[in-house]
């Protein structure tokens, strides 16, 4: 069965581009579309899709409808994957999207529509309950780190902060071990301690994503 997608997009040209991308995919099918928050909600209830692909900004306010929709769907449709598209790199929106968990959530720049593999991969990943963060968002977070202060991050030791920084750069435990010249077992211990102190209880993959976002979005003391 193909992955059924509801698309929330009020820009005609963007909707056409998304449609063309999915028309070339045998395993992805647009089930319905909506041009504002209310119509997208109705489309979800009627079409019962596997994934929602939505712009961050839609009528009625054109601010953060996509983020709010993604968060409310955790309660109303907990098994539904959501891909949020943003015109600009908005680190705080990304942090808000993943605040309640990374499962089945993706945050991509809208320009990824032009790169077919990026957007189709994101749809397939969230349909399986996995998560995707646009690489440019990560770059912006690394460059700025200008979000709010977090007392939880202050509880980390110096070594744990080093390990978390390398997690945020995408290194595996083995890669961190080689970088810091410590054993893999020691890295595993530090990572477990980090997850515990940051109160992260998702699966291992999702905990790494959320821990990385916390590190990138918030200054370390």
N, C-alpha and C. Protein backbone atom coordinates (compact mmCIF):
# COMPACT_ATOMS: atom_id res chain seq x y z
N UNK A 1 0.85 -1.19 0.00
CA UNK A 1 0.00 0.00 0.00
C UNK A 1 0.88 1.24 0.00
N UNK A 2 0.52 2.26 -0.81
CA UNK A 2 1.32 3.49 -0.83
C UNK A 2 1.14 4.28 0.47
N UNK A 3 2.10 5.14 0.75
CA UNK A 3 2.01 6.05 1.88
C UNK A 3 1.06 7.17 1.48
N UNK A 4 -0.03 7.31 2.22
CA UNK A 4 -1.04 8.33 1.90
C UNK A 4 -0.71 9.62 2.63
N UNK A 5 -0.66 10.71 1.86
CA UNK A 5 -0.20 12.00 2.39
C UNK A 5 -1.28 13.07 2.23
N UNK A 6 -1.53 13.81 3.29
CA UNK A 6 -2.32 15.04 3.22
C UNK A 6 -1.35 16.20 3.16
N UNK A 7 -1.53 17.09 2.19
CA UNK A 7 -0.64 18.23 2.01
C UNK A 7 -1.34 19.51 2.44
N UNK A 8 -0.71 20.26 3.36
CA UNK A 8 -1.21 21.56 3.78
C UNK A 8 -0.35 22.65 3.18
N UNK A 9 -0.87 23.33 2.18
CA UNK A 9 -0.08 24.35 1.46
C UNK A 9 -1.02 25.35 0.80
N UNK A 10 -0.84 26.64 1.09
CA UNK A 10 -1.71 27.65 0.51
C UNK A 10 -1.11 28.33 -0.72
N UNK A 11 0.14 27.98 -1.06
CA UNK A 11 0.78 28.55 -2.24
C UNK A 11 0.60 27.59 -3.42
N UNK A 12 -0.06 28.07 -4.47
CA UNK A 12 -0.40 27.21 -5.60
C UNK A 12 0.84 26.61 -6.25
N UNK A 13 1.88 27.41 -6.47
CA UNK A 13 3.08 26.92 -7.14
C UNK A 13 3.79 25.86 -6.30
N UNK A 14 3.85 26.09 -4.99
CA UNK A 14 4.48 25.10 -4.11
C UNK A 14 3.69 23.80 -4.11
N UNK A 15 2.36 23.90 -4.08
CA UNK A 15 1.52 22.70 -4.11
C UNK A 15 1.72 21.93 -5.42
N UNK A 16 1.82 22.65 -6.53
CA UNK A 16 2.06 22.00 -7.81
C UNK A 16 3.41 21.28 -7.82
N UNK A 17 4.42 21.92 -7.24
CA UNK A 17 5.75 21.31 -7.19
C UNK A 17 5.73 20.03 -6.36
N UNK A 18 5.06 20.09 -5.22
CA UNK A 18 4.95 18.90 -4.36
C UNK A 18 4.20 17.79 -5.09
N UNK A 19 3.13 18.15 -5.76
CA UNK A 19 2.34 17.16 -6.50
C UNK A 19 3.17 16.47 -7.56
N UNK A 20 3.97 17.24 -8.29
CA UNK A 20 4.81 16.65 -9.34
C UNK A 20 5.84 15.69 -8.76
N UNK A 21 6.39 16.06 -7.61
CA UNK A 21 7.37 15.19 -6.97
C UNK A 21 6.75 13.84 -6.62
N UNK A 22 5.57 13.86 -5.99
CA UNK A 22 4.96 12.62 -5.52
C UNK A 22 4.35 11.80 -6.66
N UNK A 23 4.01 12.45 -7.74
CA UNK A 23 3.48 11.71 -8.89
C UNK A 23 4.51 10.72 -9.44
N UNK A 24 5.77 10.99 -9.21
CA UNK A 24 6.84 10.12 -9.72
C UNK A 24 7.17 8.97 -8.77
N UNK A 25 6.51 8.94 -7.61
CA UNK A 25 6.80 7.93 -6.59
C UNK A 25 5.67 6.91 -6.53
N UNK A 26 5.99 5.66 -6.75
CA UNK A 26 4.96 4.62 -6.72
C UNK A 26 4.44 4.34 -5.31
N UNK A 27 5.27 4.64 -4.30
CA UNK A 27 4.87 4.30 -2.94
C UNK A 27 4.36 5.49 -2.14
N UNK A 28 4.16 6.64 -2.79
CA UNK A 28 3.63 7.83 -2.10
C UNK A 28 2.45 8.37 -2.90
N UNK A 29 1.37 8.66 -2.22
CA UNK A 29 0.15 9.12 -2.88
C UNK A 29 -0.46 10.28 -2.10
N UNK A 30 -0.80 11.37 -2.80
CA UNK A 30 -1.49 12.48 -2.15
C UNK A 30 -2.96 12.11 -1.99
N UNK A 31 -3.41 12.03 -0.74
CA UNK A 31 -4.78 11.63 -0.44
C UNK A 31 -5.73 12.82 -0.42
N UNK A 32 -5.22 13.99 -0.02
CA UNK A 32 -6.04 15.20 0.06
C UNK A 32 -5.13 16.39 0.29
N UNK A 33 -5.67 17.58 0.07
CA UNK A 33 -4.91 18.82 0.31
C UNK A 33 -5.78 19.80 1.08
N UNK A 34 -5.12 20.77 1.70
CA UNK A 34 -5.81 21.84 2.39
C UNK A 34 -5.00 23.10 2.30
N UNK A 35 -5.67 24.24 2.29
CA UNK A 35 -4.96 25.51 2.13
C UNK A 35 -4.95 26.37 3.38
N UNK A 36 -5.58 25.88 4.46
CA UNK A 36 -5.54 26.58 5.74
C UNK A 36 -5.67 25.55 6.85
N UNK A 37 -5.47 26.01 8.08
CA UNK A 37 -5.42 25.08 9.20
C UNK A 37 -6.71 24.27 9.32
N UNK A 38 -7.85 24.92 9.17
CA UNK A 38 -9.12 24.22 9.31
C UNK A 38 -9.33 23.17 8.25
N UNK A 39 -9.00 23.50 6.99
CA UNK A 39 -9.21 22.53 5.90
C UNK A 39 -8.24 21.37 5.99
N UNK A 40 -7.04 21.61 6.51
CA UNK A 40 -6.08 20.51 6.69
C UNK A 40 -6.57 19.57 7.78
N UNK A 41 -7.08 20.12 8.87
CA UNK A 41 -7.65 19.27 9.92
C UNK A 41 -8.77 18.40 9.37
N UNK A 42 -9.66 19.01 8.58
CA UNK A 42 -10.77 18.25 8.00
C UNK A 42 -10.28 17.17 7.06
N UNK A 43 -9.25 17.51 6.25
CA UNK A 43 -8.69 16.54 5.30
C UNK A 43 -8.09 15.35 6.02
N UNK A 44 -7.45 15.61 7.16
CA UNK A 44 -6.85 14.52 7.94
C UNK A 44 -7.94 13.60 8.47
N UNK A 45 -9.01 14.18 9.00
CA UNK A 45 -10.10 13.36 9.55
C UNK A 45 -10.79 12.54 8.46
N UNK A 46 -10.92 13.11 7.28
CA UNK A 46 -11.63 12.42 6.20
C UNK A 46 -10.75 11.39 5.48
N UNK A 47 -9.50 11.76 5.21
CA UNK A 47 -8.63 10.90 4.40
C UNK A 47 -7.89 9.85 5.22
N UNK A 48 -7.73 10.09 6.52
CA UNK A 48 -6.99 9.16 7.38
C UNK A 48 -5.63 8.80 6.77
N UNK A 49 -4.77 9.80 6.58
CA UNK A 49 -3.49 9.56 5.91
C UNK A 49 -2.46 8.92 6.84
N UNK A 50 -1.31 8.59 6.26
CA UNK A 50 -0.18 8.09 7.03
C UNK A 50 0.76 9.23 7.43
N UNK A 51 0.78 10.27 6.60
CA UNK A 51 1.70 11.39 6.80
C UNK A 51 1.00 12.70 6.43
N UNK A 52 1.32 13.76 7.17
CA UNK A 52 0.90 15.11 6.80
C UNK A 52 2.14 15.90 6.43
N UNK A 53 2.11 16.53 5.27
CA UNK A 53 3.18 17.42 4.83
C UNK A 53 2.61 18.83 4.85
N UNK A 54 3.12 19.69 5.72
CA UNK A 54 2.50 20.99 5.90
C UNK A 54 3.50 22.13 5.95
N UNK A 55 3.12 23.25 5.37
CA UNK A 55 3.90 24.47 5.51
C UNK A 55 3.80 24.94 6.96
N UNK A 56 4.82 25.59 7.46
CA UNK A 56 4.75 26.15 8.80
C UNK A 56 3.70 27.26 8.86
N UNK A 57 3.68 28.11 7.84
CA UNK A 57 2.80 29.28 7.83
C UNK A 57 1.63 29.07 6.89
N UNK A 58 0.44 29.07 7.46
CA UNK A 58 -0.80 28.94 6.69
C UNK A 58 -1.83 29.89 7.26
N UNK A 59 -2.88 30.19 6.47
CA UNK A 59 -4.01 30.92 7.05
C UNK A 59 -4.60 30.10 8.20
N UNK A 60 -5.21 30.70 9.22
CA UNK A 60 -5.65 32.08 9.20
C UNK A 60 -4.64 33.14 9.62
N UNK A 61 -3.60 32.80 10.37
CA UNK A 61 -2.70 33.84 10.87
C UNK A 61 -1.39 33.92 10.08
N UNK A 62 -1.02 32.84 9.40
CA UNK A 62 0.23 32.85 8.65
C UNK A 62 1.46 32.93 9.54
N UNK A 63 1.40 32.30 10.71
CA UNK A 63 2.54 32.35 11.64
C UNK A 63 3.13 30.95 11.84
N UNK A 64 2.55 30.19 12.78
CA UNK A 64 3.12 28.89 13.12
C UNK A 64 2.08 27.77 13.08
N UNK A 65 1.12 27.88 12.17
CA UNK A 65 0.05 26.87 12.10
C UNK A 65 0.58 25.46 11.94
N UNK A 66 1.62 25.29 11.13
CA UNK A 66 2.16 23.96 10.90
C UNK A 66 2.72 23.32 12.16
N UNK A 67 3.41 24.11 12.97
CA UNK A 67 3.95 23.61 14.23
C UNK A 67 2.83 23.25 15.19
N UNK A 68 1.85 24.14 15.29
CA UNK A 68 0.72 23.87 16.20
C UNK A 68 -0.04 22.62 15.77
N UNK A 69 -0.22 22.46 14.46
CA UNK A 69 -0.90 21.27 13.96
C UNK A 69 -0.10 20.02 14.30
N UNK A 70 1.20 20.05 14.07
CA UNK A 70 2.04 18.88 14.36
C UNK A 70 1.95 18.50 15.83
N UNK A 71 1.92 19.50 16.71
CA UNK A 71 1.88 19.21 18.14
C UNK A 71 0.51 18.69 18.57
N UNK A 72 -0.57 19.24 18.01
CA UNK A 72 -1.89 18.75 18.42
C UNK A 72 -2.15 17.34 17.90
N UNK A 73 -1.53 16.99 16.76
CA UNK A 73 -1.71 15.65 16.20
C UNK A 73 -1.09 14.57 17.08
N UNK A 74 -0.16 14.94 17.95
CA UNK A 74 0.40 13.95 18.88
C UNK A 74 -0.70 13.39 19.78
N UNK A 75 -1.71 14.21 20.05
CA UNK A 75 -2.81 13.77 20.89
C UNK A 75 -3.95 13.17 20.07
N UNK A 76 -4.32 13.86 18.99
CA UNK A 76 -5.49 13.42 18.22
C UNK A 76 -5.18 12.27 17.27
N UNK A 77 -3.95 12.25 16.71
CA UNK A 77 -3.55 11.20 15.76
C UNK A 77 -2.10 10.80 16.07
N UNK A 78 -1.87 10.10 17.17
CA UNK A 78 -0.50 9.85 17.64
C UNK A 78 0.37 9.03 16.69
N UNK A 79 -0.23 8.28 15.78
CA UNK A 79 0.56 7.45 14.85
C UNK A 79 0.82 8.15 13.52
N UNK A 80 0.36 9.38 13.38
CA UNK A 80 0.49 10.11 12.12
C UNK A 80 1.83 10.82 12.03
N UNK A 81 2.58 10.57 10.95
CA UNK A 81 3.84 11.27 10.75
C UNK A 81 3.60 12.66 10.20
N UNK A 82 4.49 13.59 10.53
CA UNK A 82 4.34 14.98 10.08
C UNK A 82 5.67 15.51 9.56
N UNK A 83 5.64 16.05 8.35
CA UNK A 83 6.79 16.76 7.78
C UNK A 83 6.42 18.24 7.71
N UNK A 84 7.18 19.08 8.40
CA UNK A 84 6.92 20.52 8.41
C UNK A 84 7.92 21.21 7.48
N UNK A 85 7.40 22.06 6.59
CA UNK A 85 8.24 22.81 5.66
C UNK A 85 8.29 24.27 6.10
N UNK A 86 9.50 24.85 6.05
CA UNK A 86 9.68 26.24 6.44
C UNK A 86 10.42 27.00 5.34
N UNK A 87 9.97 28.23 5.09
CA UNK A 87 10.62 29.06 4.08
C UNK A 87 12.03 29.45 4.51
N UNK A 88 12.21 29.65 5.82
CA UNK A 88 13.49 30.07 6.36
C UNK A 88 13.92 29.14 7.50
N UNK A 89 15.20 29.15 7.80
CA UNK A 89 15.73 28.36 8.91
C UNK A 89 15.29 28.99 10.22
N UNK A 90 14.42 28.32 10.94
CA UNK A 90 13.88 28.83 12.20
C UNK A 90 14.22 27.86 13.32
N UNK A 91 15.38 28.01 13.96
CA UNK A 91 15.80 27.06 15.00
C UNK A 91 14.80 26.88 16.13
N UNK A 92 14.16 27.96 16.56
CA UNK A 92 13.24 27.84 17.68
C UNK A 92 12.00 27.04 17.29
N UNK A 93 11.54 27.18 16.04
CA UNK A 93 10.43 26.36 15.57
C UNK A 93 10.83 24.89 15.55
N UNK A 94 12.06 24.62 15.11
CA UNK A 94 12.53 23.23 15.09
C UNK A 94 12.55 22.66 16.50
N UNK A 95 13.05 23.45 17.45
CA UNK A 95 13.09 22.99 18.83
C UNK A 95 11.68 22.74 19.37
N UNK A 96 10.73 23.61 19.00
CA UNK A 96 9.35 23.45 19.46
C UNK A 96 8.72 22.20 18.86
N UNK A 97 9.02 21.94 17.58
CA UNK A 97 8.46 20.77 16.91
C UNK A 97 8.88 19.48 17.61
N UNK A 98 10.14 19.42 18.05
CA UNK A 98 10.67 18.20 18.64
C UNK A 98 10.58 18.19 20.17
N UNK A 99 10.01 19.25 20.76
CA UNK A 99 10.00 19.35 22.22
C UNK A 99 9.27 18.20 22.89
N UNK A 100 8.19 17.74 22.27
CA UNK A 100 7.40 16.66 22.88
C UNK A 100 7.83 15.29 22.40
N UNK A 101 8.91 15.22 21.63
CA UNK A 101 9.39 13.95 21.11
C UNK A 101 9.73 14.06 19.64
N UNK A 102 10.67 13.24 19.20
CA UNK A 102 11.12 13.30 17.81
C UNK A 102 10.44 12.29 16.91
N UNK A 103 9.73 11.34 17.49
CA UNK A 103 9.14 10.25 16.70
C UNK A 103 8.19 10.77 15.64
N UNK A 104 8.41 10.35 14.40
CA UNK A 104 7.48 10.68 13.33
C UNK A 104 7.41 12.15 12.98
N UNK A 105 8.51 12.89 13.18
CA UNK A 105 8.51 14.31 12.87
C UNK A 105 9.73 14.66 12.02
N UNK A 106 9.52 15.55 11.04
CA UNK A 106 10.62 16.04 10.21
C UNK A 106 10.47 17.54 10.02
N UNK A 107 11.60 18.21 9.96
CA UNK A 107 11.62 19.66 9.76
C UNK A 107 12.56 19.95 8.59
N UNK A 108 12.00 20.45 7.48
CA UNK A 108 12.78 20.70 6.28
C UNK A 108 12.57 22.12 5.78
N UNK A 109 13.58 22.65 5.13
CA UNK A 109 13.41 23.91 4.43
C UNK A 109 12.58 23.68 3.17
N UNK A 110 11.79 24.68 2.81
CA UNK A 110 10.88 24.53 1.68
C UNK A 110 11.63 24.32 0.36
N UNK A 111 12.86 24.80 0.32
CA UNK A 111 13.65 24.64 -0.91
C UNK A 111 13.92 23.17 -1.21
N UNK A 112 13.73 22.30 -0.23
CA UNK A 112 13.97 20.87 -0.45
C UNK A 112 12.97 20.27 -1.43
N UNK A 113 11.86 20.99 -1.69
CA UNK A 113 10.91 20.50 -2.69
C UNK A 113 11.61 20.30 -4.03
N UNK A 114 12.60 21.16 -4.30
CA UNK A 114 13.32 21.07 -5.57
C UNK A 114 14.26 19.87 -5.60
N UNK A 115 14.54 19.30 -4.44
CA UNK A 115 15.41 18.13 -4.36
C UNK A 115 14.55 16.94 -3.98
N UNK A 116 14.06 16.26 -4.99
CA UNK A 116 13.05 15.21 -4.83
C UNK A 116 13.42 14.20 -3.76
N UNK A 117 14.67 13.76 -3.74
CA UNK A 117 15.06 12.72 -2.79
C UNK A 117 14.93 13.17 -1.34
N UNK A 118 15.17 14.47 -1.07
CA UNK A 118 15.10 14.96 0.31
C UNK A 118 13.69 14.87 0.86
N UNK A 119 12.73 15.34 0.08
CA UNK A 119 11.36 15.40 0.59
C UNK A 119 10.71 14.01 0.62
N UNK A 120 11.02 13.18 -0.38
CA UNK A 120 10.44 11.83 -0.36
C UNK A 120 11.05 10.99 0.76
N UNK A 121 12.34 11.18 1.02
CA UNK A 121 12.97 10.45 2.13
C UNK A 121 12.33 10.85 3.45
N UNK A 122 12.07 12.14 3.63
CA UNK A 122 11.46 12.61 4.87
C UNK A 122 10.09 11.98 5.07
N UNK A 123 9.29 11.91 4.00
CA UNK A 123 7.97 11.30 4.10
C UNK A 123 8.08 9.84 4.50
N UNK A 124 9.00 9.13 3.88
CA UNK A 124 9.15 7.71 4.20
C UNK A 124 9.66 7.52 5.63
N UNK A 125 10.56 8.38 6.07
CA UNK A 125 11.10 8.26 7.43
C UNK A 125 10.02 8.47 8.48
N UNK A 126 9.24 9.55 8.35
CA UNK A 126 8.24 9.82 9.39
C UNK A 126 7.11 8.79 9.33
N UNK A 127 6.85 8.24 8.16
CA UNK A 127 5.83 7.19 8.06
C UNK A 127 6.22 5.97 8.88
N UNK A 128 7.53 5.78 9.06
CA UNK A 128 8.03 4.66 9.86
C UNK A 128 8.30 5.07 11.31
N UNK A 129 7.93 6.29 11.66
CA UNK A 129 8.12 6.74 13.04
C UNK A 129 9.47 7.33 13.34
N UNK A 130 10.28 7.54 12.30
CA UNK A 130 11.61 8.11 12.52
C UNK A 130 11.57 9.63 12.36
N UNK A 131 12.70 10.29 12.52
CA UNK A 131 12.74 11.74 12.49
C UNK A 131 13.83 12.24 11.54
N UNK A 132 13.61 13.45 11.02
CA UNK A 132 14.55 14.08 10.09
C UNK A 132 14.67 15.56 10.44
N UNK A 133 15.90 16.06 10.50
CA UNK A 133 16.14 17.49 10.71
C UNK A 133 16.97 17.99 9.55
N UNK A 134 16.53 19.06 8.90
CA UNK A 134 17.24 19.62 7.77
C UNK A 134 18.68 19.97 8.18
N UNK A 135 19.63 19.59 7.35
CA UNK A 135 21.04 19.83 7.67
C UNK A 135 21.34 21.31 7.82
N UNK A 136 20.63 22.15 7.08
CA UNK A 136 20.89 23.59 7.19
C UNK A 136 20.41 24.13 8.53
N UNK A 137 19.33 23.57 9.05
CA UNK A 137 18.86 23.97 10.38
C UNK A 137 19.95 23.67 11.41
N UNK A 138 20.56 22.50 11.29
CA UNK A 138 21.64 22.13 12.20
C UNK A 138 22.80 23.12 12.09
N UNK A 139 23.14 23.52 10.87
CA UNK A 139 24.22 24.48 10.66
C UNK A 139 23.90 25.82 11.31
N UNK A 140 22.65 26.27 11.18
CA UNK A 140 22.25 27.54 11.78
C UNK A 140 22.31 27.46 13.30
N UNK A 141 21.86 26.33 13.84
CA UNK A 141 21.90 26.15 15.28
C UNK A 141 23.33 26.15 15.80
N UNK A 142 24.22 25.48 15.09
CA UNK A 142 25.62 25.45 15.50
C UNK A 142 26.24 26.84 15.45
N UNK A 143 25.86 27.62 14.45
CA UNK A 143 26.46 28.95 14.28
C UNK A 143 25.94 29.95 15.30
N UNK A 144 24.68 29.83 15.69
CA UNK A 144 24.10 30.86 16.54
C UNK A 144 24.08 30.50 18.03
N UNK A 145 23.44 29.36 18.37
CA UNK A 145 23.29 28.94 19.77
C UNK A 145 22.80 30.10 20.64
N UNK A 146 21.72 30.79 20.19
CA UNK A 146 21.24 31.98 20.88
C UNK A 146 19.85 31.78 21.49
N UNK A 147 19.55 30.57 21.90
CA UNK A 147 18.23 30.33 22.48
C UNK A 147 18.27 30.51 23.99
N UNK A 148 17.19 30.15 24.64
CA UNK A 148 17.07 30.38 26.08
C UNK A 148 18.01 29.50 26.89
N UNK A 149 18.25 29.97 28.12
CA UNK A 149 19.14 29.25 29.03
C UNK A 149 18.45 27.99 29.55
N UNK A 150 19.20 26.93 29.73
CA UNK A 150 18.61 25.68 30.23
C UNK A 150 19.36 25.19 31.46
N UNK A 151 18.67 25.14 32.61
CA UNK A 151 19.32 24.67 33.83
C UNK A 151 19.69 23.20 33.71
N UNK A 152 18.93 22.43 32.92
CA UNK A 152 19.24 21.02 32.75
C UNK A 152 20.62 20.83 32.10
N UNK A 153 20.96 21.67 31.15
CA UNK A 153 22.26 21.55 30.52
C UNK A 153 23.39 21.88 31.49
N UNK A 154 23.10 22.75 32.45
CA UNK A 154 24.12 23.11 33.43
C UNK A 154 24.48 21.94 34.35
N UNK A 155 23.60 20.93 34.42
CA UNK A 155 23.88 19.79 35.28
C UNK A 155 24.91 18.85 34.65
N UNK A 156 25.21 19.03 33.36
CA UNK A 156 26.17 18.16 32.70
C UNK A 156 27.59 18.48 33.14
N UNK A 157 28.41 17.45 33.25
CA UNK A 157 29.82 17.66 33.55
C UNK A 157 30.54 18.17 32.29
N UNK A 158 31.77 18.61 32.45
CA UNK A 158 32.55 19.09 31.32
C UNK A 158 32.70 18.02 30.26
N UNK A 159 32.99 16.79 30.69
CA UNK A 159 33.14 15.69 29.75
C UNK A 159 31.82 15.38 29.05
N UNK A 160 30.72 15.41 29.79
CA UNK A 160 29.41 15.15 29.18
C UNK A 160 29.07 16.22 28.14
N UNK A 161 29.46 17.46 28.42
CA UNK A 161 29.23 18.52 27.43
C UNK A 161 30.06 18.26 26.16
N UNK A 162 31.27 17.77 26.34
CA UNK A 162 32.10 17.44 25.18
C UNK A 162 31.44 16.33 24.37
N UNK A 163 30.96 15.30 25.05
CA UNK A 163 30.32 14.18 24.38
C UNK A 163 29.05 14.64 23.66
N UNK A 164 28.24 15.47 24.33
CA UNK A 164 27.01 15.95 23.73
C UNK A 164 27.29 16.80 22.50
N UNK A 165 28.35 17.60 22.56
CA UNK A 165 28.73 18.40 21.41
C UNK A 165 29.04 17.53 20.20
N UNK A 166 29.70 16.40 20.43
CA UNK A 166 30.04 15.49 19.33
C UNK A 166 28.82 14.72 18.85
N UNK A 167 27.90 14.42 19.76
CA UNK A 167 26.62 13.83 19.34
C UNK A 167 25.90 14.78 18.39
N UNK A 168 25.90 16.08 18.75
CA UNK A 168 25.24 17.09 17.91
C UNK A 168 25.89 17.21 16.54
N UNK A 169 27.17 16.88 16.44
CA UNK A 169 27.86 16.91 15.16
C UNK A 169 27.60 15.65 14.34
N UNK A 170 26.87 14.70 14.93
CA UNK A 170 26.49 13.50 14.21
C UNK A 170 27.40 12.31 14.40
N UNK A 171 28.37 12.39 15.33
CA UNK A 171 29.29 11.28 15.55
C UNK A 171 28.60 10.13 16.27
N UNK A 172 28.98 8.92 15.90
CA UNK A 172 28.53 7.73 16.61
C UNK A 172 29.32 7.58 17.90
N UNK A 173 28.93 6.63 18.72
CA UNK A 173 29.69 6.39 19.96
C UNK A 173 31.13 6.01 19.64
N UNK A 174 31.30 5.21 18.59
CA UNK A 174 32.66 4.83 18.20
C UNK A 174 33.46 6.04 17.73
N UNK A 175 32.80 6.93 17.00
CA UNK A 175 33.48 8.13 16.54
C UNK A 175 33.86 9.05 17.69
N UNK A 176 32.98 9.15 18.68
CA UNK A 176 33.27 9.97 19.86
C UNK A 176 34.43 9.36 20.63
N UNK A 177 34.43 8.03 20.73
CA UNK A 177 35.52 7.33 21.41
C UNK A 177 36.86 7.67 20.78
N UNK A 178 36.92 7.64 19.46
CA UNK A 178 38.18 7.94 18.77
C UNK A 178 38.56 9.40 18.93
N UNK A 179 37.57 10.29 18.90
CA UNK A 179 37.84 11.72 19.00
C UNK A 179 38.38 12.11 20.38
N UNK A 180 37.79 11.53 21.42
CA UNK A 180 38.16 11.90 22.79
C UNK A 180 39.20 10.97 23.41
N UNK A 181 39.57 9.90 22.66
CA UNK A 181 40.57 8.95 23.14
C UNK A 181 40.13 8.29 24.45
N UNK A 182 38.85 7.89 24.48
CA UNK A 182 38.33 7.14 25.61
C UNK A 182 37.63 5.89 25.05
N UNK A 183 37.32 4.95 25.91
CA UNK A 183 36.72 3.70 25.44
C UNK A 183 35.27 3.92 25.01
N UNK A 184 34.80 3.04 24.15
CA UNK A 184 33.39 3.10 23.73
C UNK A 184 32.47 2.90 24.92
N UNK A 185 32.88 2.02 25.85
CA UNK A 185 32.07 1.81 27.05
C UNK A 185 31.95 3.09 27.86
N UNK A 186 33.03 3.86 27.94
CA UNK A 186 32.99 5.13 28.67
C UNK A 186 32.04 6.11 27.98
N UNK A 187 32.08 6.13 26.63
CA UNK A 187 31.17 7.00 25.88
C UNK A 187 29.73 6.61 26.15
N UNK A 188 29.45 5.32 26.12
CA UNK A 188 28.09 4.84 26.39
C UNK A 188 27.61 5.28 27.76
N UNK A 189 28.52 5.24 28.74
CA UNK A 189 28.16 5.69 30.08
C UNK A 189 27.84 7.17 30.12
N UNK A 190 28.65 7.98 29.43
CA UNK A 190 28.40 9.42 29.38
C UNK A 190 27.08 9.72 28.68
N UNK A 191 26.82 9.04 27.56
CA UNK A 191 25.59 9.26 26.81
C UNK A 191 24.37 8.90 27.66
N UNK A 192 24.45 7.77 28.36
CA UNK A 192 23.34 7.36 29.24
C UNK A 192 23.11 8.42 30.32
N UNK A 193 24.19 8.93 30.90
CA UNK A 193 24.06 9.96 31.93
C UNK A 193 23.44 11.24 31.37
N UNK A 194 23.84 11.60 30.14
CA UNK A 194 23.28 12.80 29.49
C UNK A 194 21.78 12.65 29.30
N UNK A 195 21.37 11.51 28.77
CA UNK A 195 19.94 11.28 28.54
C UNK A 195 19.17 11.35 29.86
N UNK A 196 19.75 10.80 30.91
CA UNK A 196 19.08 10.79 32.21
C UNK A 196 18.94 12.21 32.76
N UNK A 197 20.03 12.99 32.68
CA UNK A 197 19.99 14.36 33.21
C UNK A 197 19.07 15.27 32.41
N UNK A 198 18.96 15.01 31.11
CA UNK A 198 18.09 15.83 30.26
C UNK A 198 16.66 15.29 30.23
N UNK A 199 16.42 14.21 30.98
CA UNK A 199 15.09 13.62 31.12
C UNK A 199 14.52 13.21 29.77
N UNK A 200 15.35 12.53 28.97
CA UNK A 200 14.93 12.06 27.65
C UNK A 200 14.60 10.58 27.74
N UNK A 201 13.39 10.21 27.35
CA UNK A 201 12.93 8.83 27.53
C UNK A 201 12.47 8.18 26.23
N UNK A 202 12.75 8.81 25.06
CA UNK A 202 12.36 8.21 23.79
C UNK A 202 13.26 7.01 23.48
N UNK A 203 13.11 6.46 22.28
CA UNK A 203 14.03 5.44 21.82
C UNK A 203 15.41 6.06 21.66
N UNK A 204 16.44 5.22 21.51
CA UNK A 204 17.82 5.70 21.44
C UNK A 204 18.01 6.73 20.33
N UNK A 205 17.50 6.44 19.11
CA UNK A 205 17.68 7.36 18.00
C UNK A 205 17.05 8.71 18.30
N UNK A 206 15.82 8.70 18.84
CA UNK A 206 15.12 9.95 19.10
C UNK A 206 15.76 10.72 20.24
N UNK A 207 16.28 10.02 21.23
CA UNK A 207 16.97 10.71 22.32
C UNK A 207 18.19 11.44 21.81
N UNK A 208 18.92 10.83 20.88
CA UNK A 208 20.10 11.49 20.31
C UNK A 208 19.70 12.76 19.55
N UNK A 209 18.60 12.68 18.80
CA UNK A 209 18.13 13.85 18.06
C UNK A 209 17.74 14.97 19.01
N UNK A 210 16.95 14.63 20.04
CA UNK A 210 16.48 15.67 20.97
C UNK A 210 17.62 16.23 21.80
N UNK A 211 18.55 15.38 22.22
CA UNK A 211 19.70 15.88 22.99
C UNK A 211 20.52 16.82 22.13
N UNK A 212 20.71 16.47 20.85
CA UNK A 212 21.47 17.34 19.95
C UNK A 212 20.78 18.69 19.78
N UNK A 213 19.44 18.67 19.64
CA UNK A 213 18.71 19.92 19.47
C UNK A 213 18.81 20.80 20.72
N UNK A 214 18.74 20.18 21.90
CA UNK A 214 18.90 20.96 23.13
C UNK A 214 20.27 21.62 23.17
N UNK A 215 21.29 20.86 22.82
CA UNK A 215 22.65 21.39 22.84
C UNK A 215 22.78 22.53 21.83
N UNK A 216 22.26 22.34 20.63
CA UNK A 216 22.43 23.33 19.58
C UNK A 216 21.63 24.59 19.81
N UNK A 217 20.44 24.45 20.42
CA UNK A 217 19.54 25.58 20.58
C UNK A 217 19.81 26.40 21.84
N UNK A 218 20.58 25.85 22.77
CA UNK A 218 20.73 26.52 24.05
C UNK A 218 22.21 26.63 24.43
N UNK A 219 22.61 27.80 24.95
CA UNK A 219 24.01 28.00 25.32
C UNK A 219 24.41 27.15 26.50
N UNK A 220 25.60 26.58 26.46
CA UNK A 220 26.11 25.82 27.57
C UNK A 220 26.90 26.73 28.51
N UNK A 221 26.78 26.49 29.82
CA UNK A 221 27.53 27.27 30.77
C UNK A 221 28.93 26.75 30.94
